[in-house]
PDB file of all heavy atoms in Angstrom:
ATOM      1  N   ASP A   1      11.772  -5.335   2.034  1.00  0.00           N
ATOM      2  CA  ASP A   1      12.689  -4.226   2.336  1.00  0.00           C
ATOM      3  C   ASP A   1      12.832  -3.237   1.187  1.00  0.00           C
ATOM      4  O   ASP A   1      13.591  -2.280   1.274  1.00  0.00           O
ATOM      5  CB  ASP A   1      14.073  -4.779   2.694  1.00  0.00           C
ATOM      6  CG  ASP A   1      14.059  -5.581   3.989  1.00  0.00           C
ATOM      7  OD1 ASP A   1      13.265  -5.247   4.880  1.00  0.00           O
ATOM      8  OD2 ASP A   1      14.839  -6.543   4.102  1.00  0.00           O
ATOM      9  N   GLU A   2      12.091  -3.459   0.126  1.00  0.00           N
ATOM     10  CA  GLU A   2      12.192  -2.626  -1.077  1.00  0.00           C
ATOM     11  C   GLU A   2      11.056  -1.594  -1.065  1.00  0.00           C
ATOM     12  O   GLU A   2      10.048  -1.754  -1.753  1.00  0.00           O
ATOM     13  CB  GLU A   2      12.098  -3.537  -2.310  1.00  0.00           C
ATOM     14  CG  GLU A   2      12.385  -2.869  -3.630  1.00  0.00           C
ATOM     15  CD  GLU A   2      12.222  -3.847  -4.788  1.00  0.00           C
ATOM     16  OE1 GLU A   2      12.382  -5.067  -4.560  1.00  0.00           O
ATOM     17  OE2 GLU A   2      11.932  -3.387  -5.901  1.00  0.00           O
ATOM     18  N   ILE A   3      11.226  -0.553  -0.281  1.00  0.00           N
ATOM     19  CA  ILE A   3      10.152   0.429  -0.114  1.00  0.00           C
ATOM     20  C   ILE A   3      10.163   1.405  -1.288  1.00  0.00           C
ATOM     21  O   ILE A   3      11.085   2.210  -1.432  1.00  0.00           O
ATOM     22  CB  ILE A   3      10.304   1.203   1.207  1.00  0.00           C
ATOM     23  CG1 ILE A   3      10.529   0.244   2.378  1.00  0.00           C
ATOM     24  CG2 ILE A   3       9.075   2.079   1.440  1.00  0.00           C
ATOM     25  CD1 ILE A   3       9.387  -0.682   2.667  1.00  0.00           C
ATOM     26  N   ASN A   4       9.135   1.325  -2.107  1.00  0.00           N
ATOM     27  CA  ASN A   4       9.023   2.228  -3.259  1.00  0.00           C
ATOM     28  C   ASN A   4       8.268   3.496  -2.838  1.00  0.00           C
ATOM     29  O   ASN A   4       7.069   3.654  -3.071  1.00  0.00           O
ATOM     30  CB  ASN A   4       8.351   1.533  -4.448  1.00  0.00           C
ATOM     31  CG  ASN A   4       7.138   0.689  -4.051  1.00  0.00           C
ATOM     32  OD1 ASN A   4       7.014   0.256  -2.907  1.00  0.00           O
ATOM     33  ND2 ASN A   4       6.253   0.439  -5.001  1.00  0.00           N
ATOM     34  N   PHE A   5       9.027   4.384  -2.203  1.00  0.00           N
ATOM     35  CA  PHE A   5       8.460   5.585  -1.605  1.00  0.00           C
ATOM     36  C   PHE A   5       7.740   6.471  -2.629  1.00  0.00           C
ATOM     37  O   PHE A   5       6.667   7.024  -2.330  1.00  0.00           O
ATOM     38  CB  PHE A   5       9.558   6.403  -0.919  1.00  0.00           C
ATOM     39  CG  PHE A   5      10.045   5.811   0.379  1.00  0.00           C
ATOM     40  CD1 PHE A   5      11.238   5.099   0.423  1.00  0.00           C
ATOM     41  CD2 PHE A   5       9.314   5.964   1.539  1.00  0.00           C
ATOM     42  CE1 PHE A   5      11.693   4.557   1.623  1.00  0.00           C
ATOM     43  CE2 PHE A   5       9.751   5.428   2.740  1.00  0.00           C
ATOM     44  CZ  PHE A   5      10.942   4.723   2.777  1.00  0.00           C
ATOM     45  N   GLU A   6       8.318   6.634  -3.785  1.00  0.00           N
ATOM     46  CA  GLU A   6       7.730   7.555  -4.761  1.00  0.00           C
ATOM     47  C   GLU A   6       6.376   7.061  -5.254  1.00  0.00           C
ATOM     48  O   GLU A   6       5.454   7.863  -5.462  1.00  0.00           O
ATOM     49  CB  GLU A   6       8.690   7.753  -5.941  1.00  0.00           C
ATOM     50  CG  GLU A   6       9.936   8.549  -5.588  1.00  0.00           C
ATOM     51  CD  GLU A   6       9.605   9.912  -4.979  1.00  0.00           C
ATOM     52  OE1 GLU A   6       8.708  10.599  -5.507  1.00  0.00           O
ATOM     53  OE2 GLU A   6      10.243  10.281  -3.961  1.00  0.00           O
ATOM     54  N   ASP A   7       6.244   5.753  -5.429  1.00  0.00           N
ATOM     55  CA  ASP A   7       4.947   5.197  -5.839  1.00  0.00           C
ATOM     56  C   ASP A   7       3.890   5.468  -4.770  1.00  0.00           C
ATOM     57  O   ASP A   7       2.755   5.843  -5.076  1.00  0.00           O
ATOM     58  CB  ASP A   7       5.061   3.690  -6.082  1.00  0.00           C
ATOM     59  CG  ASP A   7       5.871   3.362  -7.329  1.00  0.00           C
ATOM     60  OD1 ASP A   7       5.828   4.155  -8.284  1.00  0.00           O
ATOM     61  OD2 ASP A   7       6.543   2.311  -7.337  1.00  0.00           O
ATOM     62  N   ALA A   8       4.280   5.271  -3.504  1.00  0.00           N
ATOM     63  CA  ALA A   8       3.338   5.492  -2.399  1.00  0.00           C
ATOM     64  C   ALA A   8       2.978   6.975  -2.279  1.00  0.00           C
ATOM     65  O   ALA A   8       1.818   7.329  -2.044  1.00  0.00           O
ATOM     66  CB  ALA A   8       3.933   4.979  -1.097  1.00  0.00           C
ATOM     67  N   LYS A   9       3.980   7.832  -2.440  1.00  0.00           N
ATOM     68  CA  LYS A   9       3.754   9.272  -2.318  1.00  0.00           C
ATOM     69  C   LYS A   9       2.808   9.769  -3.410  1.00  0.00           C
ATOM     70  O   LYS A   9       1.893  10.572  -3.151  1.00  0.00           O
ATOM     71  CB  LYS A   9       5.098   9.994  -2.406  1.00  0.00           C
ATOM     72  CG  LYS A   9       5.030  11.477  -2.129  1.00  0.00           C
ATOM     73  CD  LYS A   9       6.442  12.079  -2.136  1.00  0.00           C
ATOM     74  CE  LYS A   9       6.411  13.573  -1.855  1.00  0.00           C
ATOM     75  NZ  LYS A   9       7.789  14.147  -1.867  1.00  0.00           N
ATOM     76  N   LYS A  10       3.024   9.295  -4.609  1.00  0.00           N
ATOM     77  CA  LYS A  10       2.172   9.696  -5.735  1.00  0.00           C
ATOM     78  C   LYS A  10       0.735   9.230  -5.514  1.00  0.00           C
ATOM     79  O   LYS A  10      -0.223   9.969  -5.758  1.00  0.00           O
ATOM     80  CB  LYS A  10       2.730   9.106  -7.030  1.00  0.00           C
ATOM     81  CG  LYS A  10       1.939   9.483  -8.267  1.00  0.00           C
ATOM     82  CD  LYS A  10       2.569   8.882  -9.517  1.00  0.00           C
ATOM     83  CE  LYS A  10       1.744   9.221 -10.758  1.00  0.00           C
ATOM     84  NZ  LYS A  10       2.324   8.602 -11.983  1.00  0.00           N
ATOM     85  N   ARG A  11       0.590   8.002  -5.019  1.00  0.00           N
ATOM     86  CA  ARG A  11      -0.741   7.444  -4.788  1.00  0.00           C
ATOM     87  C   ARG A  11      -1.459   8.187  -3.653  1.00  0.00           C
ATOM     88  O   ARG A  11      -2.668   8.421  -3.726  1.00  0.00           O
ATOM     89  CB  ARG A  11      -0.613   5.962  -4.426  1.00  0.00           C
ATOM     90  CG  ARG A  11      -1.924   5.237  -4.215  1.00  0.00           C
ATOM     91  CD  ARG A  11      -2.696   5.103  -5.505  1.00  0.00           C
ATOM     92  NE  ARG A  11      -3.865   4.235  -5.331  1.00  0.00           N
ATOM     93  CZ  ARG A  11      -4.777   4.004  -6.264  1.00  0.00           C
ATOM     94  NH1 ARG A  11      -4.646   4.599  -7.455  1.00  0.00           N
ATOM     95  NH2 ARG A  11      -5.799   3.210  -6.037  1.00  0.00           N
ATOM     96  N   GLU A  12      -0.710   8.580  -2.613  1.00  0.00           N
ATOM     97  CA  GLU A  12      -1.337   9.261  -1.475  1.00  0.00           C
ATOM     98  C   GLU A  12      -1.899  10.619  -1.886  1.00  0.00           C
ATOM     99  O   GLU A  12      -2.898  11.075  -1.330  1.00  0.00           O
ATOM    100  CB  GLU A  12      -0.357   9.412  -0.310  1.00  0.00           C
ATOM    101  CG  GLU A  12      -1.006   9.932   0.954  1.00  0.00           C
ATOM    102  CD  GLU A  12      -0.106   9.880   2.179  1.00  0.00           C
ATOM    103  OE1 GLU A  12       1.037   9.402   2.081  1.00  0.00           O
ATOM    104  OE2 GLU A  12      -0.570  10.333   3.256  1.00  0.00           O
ATOM    105  N   LYS A  13      -1.276  11.267  -2.853  1.00  0.00           N
ATOM    106  CA  LYS A  13      -1.805  12.541  -3.346  1.00  0.00           C
ATOM    107  C   LYS A  13      -3.177  12.355  -3.977  1.00  0.00           C
ATOM    108  O   LYS A  13      -4.019  13.252  -3.960  1.00  0.00           O
ATOM    109  CB  LYS A  13      -0.837  13.156  -4.357  1.00  0.00           C
ATOM    110  CG  LYS A  13       0.383  13.809  -3.723  1.00  0.00           C
ATOM    111  CD  LYS A  13       1.222  14.537  -4.766  1.00  0.00           C
ATOM    112  CE  LYS A  13       2.385  15.266  -4.105  1.00  0.00           C
ATOM    113  NZ  LYS A  13       3.208  16.015  -5.088  1.00  0.00           N
ATOM    114  N   GLU A  14      -3.390  11.173  -4.526  1.00  0.00           N
ATOM    115  CA  GLU A  14      -4.657  10.880  -5.189  1.00  0.00           C
ATOM    116  C   GLU A  14      -5.732  10.437  -4.195  1.00  0.00           C
ATOM    117  O   GLU A  14      -6.870  10.912  -4.253  1.00  0.00           O
ATOM    118  CB  GLU A  14      -4.462   9.779  -6.243  1.00  0.00           C
ATOM    119  CG  GLU A  14      -3.510  10.157  -7.361  1.00  0.00           C
ATOM    120  CD  GLU A  14      -3.208   8.975  -8.277  1.00  0.00           C
ATOM    121  OE1 GLU A  14      -3.827   7.903  -8.087  1.00  0.00           O
ATOM    122  OE2 GLU A  14      -2.351   9.117  -9.173  1.00  0.00           O
ATOM    123  N   VAL A  15      -5.358   9.533  -3.276  1.00  0.00           N
ATOM    124  CA  VAL A  15      -6.378   8.914  -2.417  1.00  0.00           C
ATOM    125  C   VAL A  15      -6.421   9.488  -1.006  1.00  0.00           C
ATOM    126  O   VAL A  15      -7.333   9.189  -0.236  1.00  0.00           O
ATOM    127  CB  VAL A  15      -6.178   7.380  -2.351  1.00  0.00           C
ATOM    128  CG1 VAL A  15      -6.267   6.770  -3.742  1.00  0.00           C
ATOM    129  CG2 VAL A  15      -4.850   7.012  -1.690  1.00  0.00           C
ATOM    130  N   ARG A  16      -5.407  10.280  -0.615  1.00  0.00           N
ATOM    131  CA  ARG A  16      -5.362  10.912   0.710  1.00  0.00           C
ATOM    132  C   ARG A  16      -5.423   9.879   1.842  1.00  0.00           C
ATOM    133  O   ARG A  16      -6.077  10.112   2.861  1.00  0.00           O
ATOM    134  CB  ARG A  16      -6.514  11.919   0.871  1.00  0.00           C
ATOM    135  CG  ARG A  16      -6.553  13.020  -0.161  1.00  0.00           C
ATOM    136  CD  ARG A  16      -5.331  13.918  -0.053  1.00  0.00           C
ATOM    137  NE  ARG A  16      -5.358  14.978  -1.063  1.00  0.00           N
ATOM    138  CZ  ARG A  16      -4.372  15.845  -1.278  1.00  0.00           C
ATOM    139  NH1 ARG A  16      -3.281  15.770  -0.536  1.00  0.00           N
ATOM    140  NH2 ARG A  16      -4.462  16.764  -2.215  1.00  0.00           N
ATOM    141  N   HIS A  17      -4.753   8.758   1.662  1.00  0.00           N
ATOM    142  CA  HIS A  17      -4.771   7.715   2.694  1.00  0.00           C
ATOM    143  C   HIS A  17      -3.419   7.009   2.686  1.00  0.00           C
ATOM    144  O   HIS A  17      -3.073   6.333   1.716  1.00  0.00           O
ATOM    145  CB  HIS A  17      -5.893   6.709   2.418  1.00  0.00           C
ATOM    146  CG  HIS A  17      -6.259   5.876   3.611  1.00  0.00           C
ATOM    147  ND1 HIS A  17      -5.446   4.870   4.078  1.00  0.00           N
ATOM    148  CD2 HIS A  17      -7.341   5.907   4.428  1.00  0.00           C
ATOM    149  CE1 HIS A  17      -6.019   4.301   5.136  1.00  0.00           C
ATOM    150  NE2 HIS A  17      -7.166   4.912   5.374  1.00  0.00           N
ATOM    151  N   ASP A  18      -2.665   7.171   3.773  1.00  0.00           N
ATOM    152  CA  ASP A  18      -1.297   6.656   3.768  1.00  0.00           C
ATOM    153  C   ASP A  18      -1.229   5.133   3.726  1.00  0.00           C
ATOM    154  O   ASP A  18      -0.404   4.551   3.004  1.00  0.00           O
ATOM    155  CB  ASP A  18      -0.511   7.192   4.972  1.00  0.00           C
ATOM    156  CG  ASP A  18      -1.145   6.875   6.313  1.00  0.00           C
ATOM    157  OD1 ASP A  18      -2.305   6.416   6.347  1.00  0.00           O
ATOM    158  OD2 ASP A  18      -0.473   7.092   7.347  1.00  0.00           O
ATOM    159  N   VAL A  19      -2.116   4.453   4.470  1.00  0.00           N
ATOM    160  CA  VAL A  19      -2.051   2.987   4.493  1.00  0.00           C
ATOM    161  C   VAL A  19      -2.415   2.407   3.132  1.00  0.00           C
ATOM    162  O   VAL A  19      -1.688   1.552   2.594  1.00  0.00           O
ATOM    163  CB  VAL A  19      -2.970   2.418   5.594  1.00  0.00           C
ATOM    164  CG1 VAL A  19      -3.027   0.880   5.502  1.00  0.00           C
ATOM    165  CG2 VAL A  19      -2.464   2.828   6.975  1.00  0.00           C
ATOM    166  N   MET A  20      -3.496   2.869   2.561  1.00  0.00           N
ATOM    167  CA  MET A  20      -3.895   2.332   1.253  1.00  0.00           C
ATOM    168  C   MET A  20      -2.888   2.684   0.166  1.00  0.00           C
ATOM    169  O   MET A  20      -2.728   1.939  -0.814  1.00  0.00           O
ATOM    170  CB  MET A  20      -5.293   2.844   0.877  1.00  0.00           C
ATOM    171  CG  MET A  20      -6.397   2.274   1.758  1.00  0.00           C
ATOM    172  SD  MET A  20      -6.309   0.466   1.930  1.00  0.00           S
ATOM    173  CE  MET A  20      -6.552  -0.045   0.222  1.00  0.00           C
ATOM    174  N   SER A  21      -2.180   3.776   0.330  1.00  0.00           N
ATOM    175  CA  SER A  21      -1.128   4.141  -0.634  1.00  0.00           C
ATOM    176  C   SER A  21       0.013   3.131  -0.581  1.00  0.00           C
ATOM    177  O   SER A  21       0.573   2.760  -1.620  1.00  0.00           O
ATOM    178  CB  SER A  21      -0.602   5.544  -0.336  1.00  0.00           C
ATOM    179  OG  SER A  21      -1.634   6.487  -0.436  1.00  0.00           O
ATOM    180  N   HIS A  22       0.342   2.677   0.626  1.00  0.00           N
ATOM    181  CA  HIS A  22       1.425   1.708   0.748  1.00  0.00           C
ATOM    182  C   HIS A  22       0.961   0.289   0.437  1.00  0.00           C
ATOM    183  O   HIS A  22       1.772  -0.546   0.010  1.00  0.00           O
ATOM    184  CB  HIS A  22       2.063   1.801   2.139  1.00  0.00           C
ATOM    185  CG  HIS A  22       3.063   2.912   2.227  1.00  0.00           C
ATOM    186  ND1 HIS A  22       4.403   2.735   1.964  1.00  0.00           N
ATOM    187  CD2 HIS A  22       2.903   4.240   2.510  1.00  0.00           C
ATOM    188  CE1 HIS A  22       5.047   3.889   2.101  1.00  0.00           C
ATOM    189  NE2 HIS A  22       4.158   4.818   2.428  1.00  0.00           N
ATOM    190  N   VAL A  23      -0.316  -0.011   0.627  1.00  0.00           N
ATOM    191  CA  VAL A  23      -0.855  -1.284   0.136  1.00  0.00           C
ATOM    192  C   VAL A  23      -0.704  -1.323  -1.389  1.00  0.00           C
ATOM    193  O   VAL A  23      -0.262  -2.326  -1.966  1.00  0.00           O
ATOM    194  CB  VAL A  23      -2.340  -1.442   0.536  1.00  0.00           C
ATOM    195  CG1 VAL A  23      -2.971  -2.635  -0.197  1.00  0.00           C
ATOM    196  CG2 VAL A  23      -2.472  -1.625   2.043  1.00  0.00           C
ATOM    197  N   TYR A  24      -1.049  -0.216  -2.018  1.00  0.00           N
ATOM    198  CA  TYR A  24      -0.935  -0.112  -3.480  1.00  0.00           C
ATOM    199  C   TYR A  24       0.523  -0.247  -3.924  1.00  0.00           C
ATOM    200  O   TYR A  24       0.833  -1.004  -4.860  1.00  0.00           O
ATOM    201  CB  TYR A  24      -1.507   1.239  -3.926  1.00  0.00           C
ATOM    202  CG  TYR A  24      -1.230   1.604  -5.359  1.00  0.00           C
ATOM    203  CD1 TYR A  24      -1.990   1.075  -6.404  1.00  0.00           C
ATOM    204  CD2 TYR A  24      -0.184   2.476  -5.685  1.00  0.00           C
ATOM    205  CE1 TYR A  24      -1.730   1.414  -7.728  1.00  0.00           C
ATOM    206  CE2 TYR A  24       0.086   2.819  -6.996  1.00  0.00           C
ATOM    207  CZ  TYR A  24      -0.689   2.283  -8.013  1.00  0.00           C
ATOM    208  OH  TYR A  24      -0.415   2.612  -9.328  1.00  0.00           O
ATOM    209  N   ALA A  25       1.428   0.478  -3.246  1.00  0.00           N
ATOM    210  CA  ALA A  25       2.843   0.440  -3.637  1.00  0.00           C
ATOM    211  C   ALA A  25       3.430  -0.953  -3.459  1.00  0.00           C
ATOM    212  O   ALA A  25       4.203  -1.431  -4.310  1.00  0.00           O
ATOM    213  CB  ALA A  25       3.634   1.459  -2.810  1.00  0.00           C
ATOM    214  N   TYR A  26       3.085  -1.614  -2.369  1.00  0.00           N
ATOM    215  CA  TYR A  26       3.561  -2.986  -2.132  1.00  0.00           C
ATOM    216  C   TYR A  26       3.009  -3.920  -3.212  1.00  0.00           C
ATOM    217  O   TYR A  26       3.705  -4.801  -3.720  1.00  0.00           O
ATOM    218  CB  TYR A  26       3.101  -3.436  -0.746  1.00  0.00           C
ATOM    219  CG  TYR A  26       3.882  -4.580  -0.121  1.00  0.00           C
ATOM    220  CD1 TYR A  26       5.073  -5.074  -0.660  1.00  0.00           C
ATOM    221  CD2 TYR A  26       3.405  -5.182   1.054  1.00  0.00           C
ATOM    222  CE1 TYR A  26       5.766  -6.108  -0.051  1.00  0.00           C
ATOM    223  CE2 TYR A  26       4.090  -6.211   1.680  1.00  0.00           C
ATOM    224  CZ  TYR A  26       5.268  -6.683   1.111  1.00  0.00           C
ATOM    225  OH  TYR A  26       5.957  -7.705   1.712  1.00  0.00           O
ATOM    226  N   GLY A  27       1.749  -3.687  -3.606  1.00  0.00           N
ATOM    227  CA  GLY A  27       1.125  -4.501  -4.647  1.00  0.00           C
ATOM    228  C   GLY A  27       1.794  -4.357  -6.001  1.00  0.00           C
ATOM    229  O   GLY A  27       1.821  -5.307  -6.795  1.00  0.00           O
ATOM    230  N   LEU A  28       2.353  -3.168  -6.281  1.00  0.00           N
ATOM    231  CA  LEU A  28       3.080  -2.987  -7.537  1.00  0.00           C
ATOM    232  C   LEU A  28       4.295  -3.904  -7.603  1.00  0.00           C
ATOM    233  O   LEU A  28       4.665  -4.397  -8.691  1.00  0.00           O
ATOM    234  CB  LEU A  28       3.529  -1.532  -7.677  1.00  0.00           C
ATOM    235  CG  LEU A  28       2.437  -0.470  -7.889  1.00  0.00           C
ATOM    236  CD1 LEU A  28       3.066   0.913  -7.971  1.00  0.00           C
ATOM    237  CD2 LEU A  28       1.614  -0.765  -9.144  1.00  0.00           C
ATOM    238  N   LEU A  29       4.930  -4.123  -6.448  1.00  0.00           N
ATOM    239  CA  LEU A  29       6.103  -4.986  -6.394  1.00  0.00           C
ATOM    240  C   LEU A  29       5.723  -6.462  -6.293  1.00  0.00           C
ATOM    241  O   LEU A  29       6.534  -7.337  -6.611  1.00  0.00           O
ATOM    242  CB  LEU A  29       6.975  -4.609  -5.183  1.00  0.00           C
ATOM    243  CG  LEU A  29       7.499  -3.178  -5.134  1.00  0.00           C
ATOM    244  CD1 LEU A  29       8.226  -2.928  -3.816  1.00  0.00           C
ATOM    245  CD2 LEU A  29       8.425  -2.891  -6.314  1.00  0.00           C
ATOM    246  N   CYS A  30       4.509  -6.720  -5.829  1.00  0.00           N
ATOM    247  CA  CYS A  30       4.050  -8.095  -5.594  1.00  0.00           C
ATOM    248  C   CYS A  30       2.733  -8.335  -6.327  1.00  0.00           C
ATOM    249  O   CYS A  30       1.672  -8.461  -5.690  1.00  0.00           O
ATOM    250  CB  CYS A  30       3.874  -8.347  -4.102  1.00  0.00           C
ATOM    251  SG  CYS A  30       5.308  -7.976  -3.084  1.00  0.00           S
ATOM    252  N   PRO A  31       2.756  -8.397  -7.651  1.00  0.00           N
ATOM    253  CA  PRO A  31       1.500  -8.517  -8.411  1.00  0.00           C
ATOM    254  C   PRO A  31       0.711  -9.790  -8.094  1.00  0.00           C
ATOM    255  O   PRO A  31      -0.519  -9.786  -8.157  1.00  0.00           O
ATOM    256  CB  PRO A  31       1.972  -8.493  -9.868  1.00  0.00           C
ATOM    257  CG  PRO A  31       3.421  -8.856  -9.823  1.00  0.00           C
ATOM    258  CD  PRO A  31       3.927  -8.320  -8.520  1.00  0.00           C
ATOM    259  N   LYS A  32       1.400 -10.872  -7.760  1.00  0.00           N
ATOM    260  CA  LYS A  32       0.699 -12.121  -7.444  1.00  0.00           C
ATOM    261  C   LYS A  32       0.019 -12.057  -6.070  1.00  0.00           C
ATOM    262  O   LYS A  32      -0.992 -12.725  -5.845  1.00  0.00           O
ATOM    263  CB  LYS A  32       1.678 -13.294  -7.473  1.00  0.00           C
ATOM    264  CG  LYS A  32       2.272 -13.559  -8.854  1.00  0.00           C
ATOM    265  CD  LYS A  32       3.330 -14.651  -8.780  1.00  0.00           C
ATOM    266  CE  LYS A  32       3.996 -14.851 -10.158  1.00  0.00           C
ATOM    267  NZ  LYS A  32       5.096 -15.842 -10.095  1.00  0.00           N
ATOM    268  N   ALA A  33       0.584 -11.259  -5.185  1.00  0.00           N
ATOM    269  CA  ALA A  33       0.068 -11.221  -3.809  1.00  0.00           C
ATOM    270  C   ALA A  33      -0.767  -9.982  -3.524  1.00  0.00           C
ATOM    271  O   ALA A  33      -1.331  -9.864  -2.432  1.00  0.00           O
ATOM    272  CB  ALA A  33       1.243 -11.279  -2.821  1.00  0.00           C
ATOM    273  N   LYS A  34      -0.884  -9.061  -4.474  1.00  0.00           N
ATOM    274  CA  LYS A  34      -1.518  -7.785  -4.156  1.00  0.00           C
ATOM    275  C   LYS A  34      -2.957  -7.936  -3.670  1.00  0.00           C
ATOM    276  O   LYS A  34      -3.437  -7.139  -2.858  1.00  0.00           O
ATOM    277  CB  LYS A  34      -1.443  -6.838  -5.345  1.00  0.00           C
ATOM    278  CG  LYS A  34      -2.322  -7.221  -6.531  1.00  0.00           C
ATOM    279  CD  LYS A  34      -2.234  -6.147  -7.621  1.00  0.00           C
ATOM    280  CE  LYS A  34      -3.166  -6.483  -8.788  1.00  0.00           C
ATOM    281  NZ  LYS A  34      -3.128  -5.425  -9.819  1.00  0.00           N
ATOM    282  N   GLY A  35      -3.634  -8.972  -4.109  1.00  0.00           N
ATOM    283  CA  GLY A  35      -5.024  -9.176  -3.721  1.00  0.00           C
ATOM    284  C   GLY A  35      -5.229  -9.625  -2.292  1.00  0.00           C
ATOM    285  O   GLY A  35      -6.345  -9.523  -1.763  1.00  0.00           O
ATOM    286  N   ILE A  36      -4.161 -10.107  -1.642  1.00  0.00           N
ATOM    287  CA  ILE A  36      -4.322 -10.589  -0.262  1.00  0.00           C
ATOM    288  C   ILE A  36      -3.571  -9.718   0.751  1.00  0.00           C
ATOM    289  O   ILE A  36      -3.559 -10.019   1.947  1.00  0.00           O
ATOM    290  CB  ILE A  36      -3.877 -12.069  -0.141  1.00  0.00           C
ATOM    291  CG1 ILE A  36      -2.418 -12.271  -0.610  1.00  0.00           C
ATOM    292  CG2 ILE A  36      -4.812 -12.967  -0.929  1.00  0.00           C
ATOM    293  CD1 ILE A  36      -1.387 -12.252   0.445  1.00  0.00           C
ATOM    294  N   ILE A  37      -2.967  -8.631   0.276  1.00  0.00           N
ATOM    295  CA  ILE A  37      -2.299  -7.708   1.210  1.00  0.00           C
ATOM    296  C   ILE A  37      -3.360  -6.983   2.036  1.00  0.00           C
ATOM    297  O   ILE A  37      -4.329  -6.455   1.500  1.00  0.00           O
ATOM    298  CB  ILE A  37      -1.437  -6.680   0.446  1.00  0.00           C
ATOM    299  CG1 ILE A  37      -0.329  -7.364  -0.338  1.00  0.00           C
ATOM    300  CG2 ILE A  37      -0.838  -5.656   1.415  1.00  0.00           C
ATOM    301  CD1 ILE A  37       0.434  -6.423  -1.278  1.00  0.00           C
ATOM    302  N   HIS A  38      -3.212  -6.988   3.360  1.00  0.00           N
ATOM    303  CA  HIS A  38      -4.100  -6.238   4.262  1.00  0.00           C
ATOM    304  C   HIS A  38      -5.494  -6.869   4.339  1.00  0.00           C
ATOM    305  O   HIS A  38      -6.462  -6.223   4.718  1.00  0.00           O
ATOM    306  CB  HIS A  38      -4.194  -4.780   3.787  1.00  0.00           C
ATOM    307  CG  HIS A  38      -4.657  -3.797   4.806  1.00  0.00           C
ATOM    308  ND1 HIS A  38      -3.929  -3.473   5.924  1.00  0.00           N
ATOM    309  CD2 HIS A  38      -5.804  -3.037   4.874  1.00  0.00           C
ATOM    310  CE1 HIS A  38      -4.598  -2.555   6.625  1.00  0.00           C
ATOM    311  NE2 HIS A  38      -5.741  -2.286   6.014  1.00  0.00           N
ATOM    312  N   LEU A  39      -5.612  -8.160   4.021  1.00  0.00           N
ATOM    313  CA  LEU A  39      -6.909  -8.821   3.940  1.00  0.00           C
ATOM    314  C   LEU A  39      -7.583  -8.896   5.311  1.00  0.00           C
ATOM    315  O   LEU A  39      -7.039  -9.464   6.253  1.00  0.00           O
ATOM    316  CB  LEU A  39      -6.736 -10.241   3.367  1.00  0.00           C
ATOM    317  CG  LEU A  39      -8.010 -11.054   3.135  1.00  0.00           C
ATOM    318  CD1 LEU A  39      -8.931 -10.336   2.144  1.00  0.00           C
ATOM    319  CD2 LEU A  39      -7.663 -12.449   2.624  1.00  0.00           C
ATOM    320  N   GLY A  40      -8.765  -8.302   5.416  1.00  0.00           N
ATOM    321  CA  GLY A  40      -9.534  -8.338   6.657  1.00  0.00           C
ATOM    322  C   GLY A  40      -9.118  -7.315   7.691  1.00  0.00           C
ATOM    323  O   GLY A  40      -9.719  -7.248   8.770  1.00  0.00           O
ATOM    324  N   ALA A  41      -8.099  -6.530   7.385  1.00  0.00           N
ATOM    325  CA  ALA A  41      -7.536  -5.611   8.381  1.00  0.00           C
ATOM    326  C   ALA A  41      -8.037  -4.183   8.160  1.00  0.00           C
ATOM    327  O   ALA A  41      -8.560  -3.845   7.089  1.00  0.00           O
ATOM    328  CB  ALA A  41      -6.023  -5.631   8.320  1.00  0.00           C
ATOM    329  N   THR A  42      -7.871  -3.361   9.182  1.00  0.00           N
ATOM    330  CA  THR A  42      -8.097  -1.925   9.062  1.00  0.00           C
ATOM    331  C   THR A  42      -6.761  -1.215   9.211  1.00  0.00           C
ATOM    332  O   THR A  42      -5.747  -1.845   9.557  1.00  0.00           O
ATOM    333  CB  THR A  42      -9.104  -1.437  10.119  1.00  0.00           C
ATOM    334  OG1 THR A  42      -9.451  -0.073   9.830  1.00  0.00           O
ATOM    335  CG2 THR A  42      -8.528  -1.521  11.514  1.00  0.00           C
ATOM    336  N   SER A  43      -6.740   0.088   8.957  1.00  0.00           N
ATOM    337  CA  SER A  43      -5.472   0.822   8.936  1.00  0.00           C
ATOM    338  C   SER A  43      -4.693   0.676  10.232  1.00  0.00           C
ATOM    339  O   SER A  43      -3.452   0.639  10.231  1.00  0.00           O
ATOM    340  CB  SER A  43      -5.738   2.310   8.680  1.00  0.00           C
ATOM    341  OG  SER A  43      -6.365   2.499   7.434  1.00  0.00           O
ATOM    342  N   CYS A  44      -5.402   0.621  11.349  1.00  0.00           N
ATOM    343  CA  CYS A  44      -4.715   0.535  12.640  1.00  0.00           C
ATOM    344  C   CYS A  44      -3.970  -0.777  12.820  1.00  0.00           C
ATOM    345  O   CYS A  44      -3.130  -0.889  13.715  1.00  0.00           O
ATOM    346  CB  CYS A  44      -5.708   0.730  13.779  1.00  0.00           C
ATOM    347  SG  CYS A  44      -6.264   2.445  13.916  1.00  0.00           S
ATOM    348  N   TYR A  45      -4.287  -1.761  11.983  1.00  0.00           N
ATOM    349  CA  TYR A  45      -3.530  -3.017  12.085  1.00  0.00           C
ATOM    350  C   TYR A  45      -2.044  -2.746  11.877  1.00  0.00           C
ATOM    351  O   TYR A  45      -1.202  -3.211  12.649  1.00  0.00           O
ATOM    352  CB  TYR A  45      -4.025  -4.056  11.073  1.00  0.00           C
ATOM    353  CG  TYR A  45      -3.096  -5.244  11.004  1.00  0.00           C
ATOM    354  CD1 TYR A  45      -2.996  -6.123  12.075  1.00  0.00           C
ATOM    355  CD2 TYR A  45      -2.255  -5.445   9.901  1.00  0.00           C
ATOM    356  CE1 TYR A  45      -2.102  -7.189  12.052  1.00  0.00           C
ATOM    357  CE2 TYR A  45      -1.367  -6.501   9.868  1.00  0.00           C
ATOM    358  CZ  TYR A  45      -1.293  -7.379  10.943  1.00  0.00           C
ATOM    359  OH  TYR A  45      -0.389  -8.420  10.918  1.00  0.00           O
ATOM    360  N   VAL A  46      -1.716  -1.983  10.834  1.00  0.00           N
ATOM    361  CA  VAL A  46      -0.299  -1.663  10.634  1.00  0.00           C
ATOM    362  C   VAL A  46       0.124  -0.454  11.454  1.00  0.00           C
ATOM    363  O   VAL A  46       1.204  -0.441  12.047  1.00  0.00           O
ATOM    364  CB  VAL A  46       0.048  -1.450   9.137  1.00  0.00           C
ATOM    365  CG1 VAL A  46       0.055  -2.763   8.401  1.00  0.00           C
ATOM    366  CG2 VAL A  46      -0.891  -0.459   8.479  1.00  0.00           C
ATOM    367  N   GLY A  47      -0.728   0.569  11.532  1.00  0.00           N
ATOM    368  CA  GLY A  47      -0.347   1.790  12.236  1.00  0.00           C
ATOM    369  C   GLY A  47      -0.108   1.569  13.718  1.00  0.00           C
ATOM    370  O   GLY A  47       0.957   1.889  14.248  1.00  0.00           O
TER     371      GLY A  47
END
């Protein structure tokens, strides 16, 4: 529930991809789990 919007927004300006920006932002909060976030999925999995 801790959505770090600014981290995601900053990342999206760089990569132009909303899902990967939020994978990155979630990974900042979850360093131990960042490697398995979105594993095997495509953007439409969450979208």
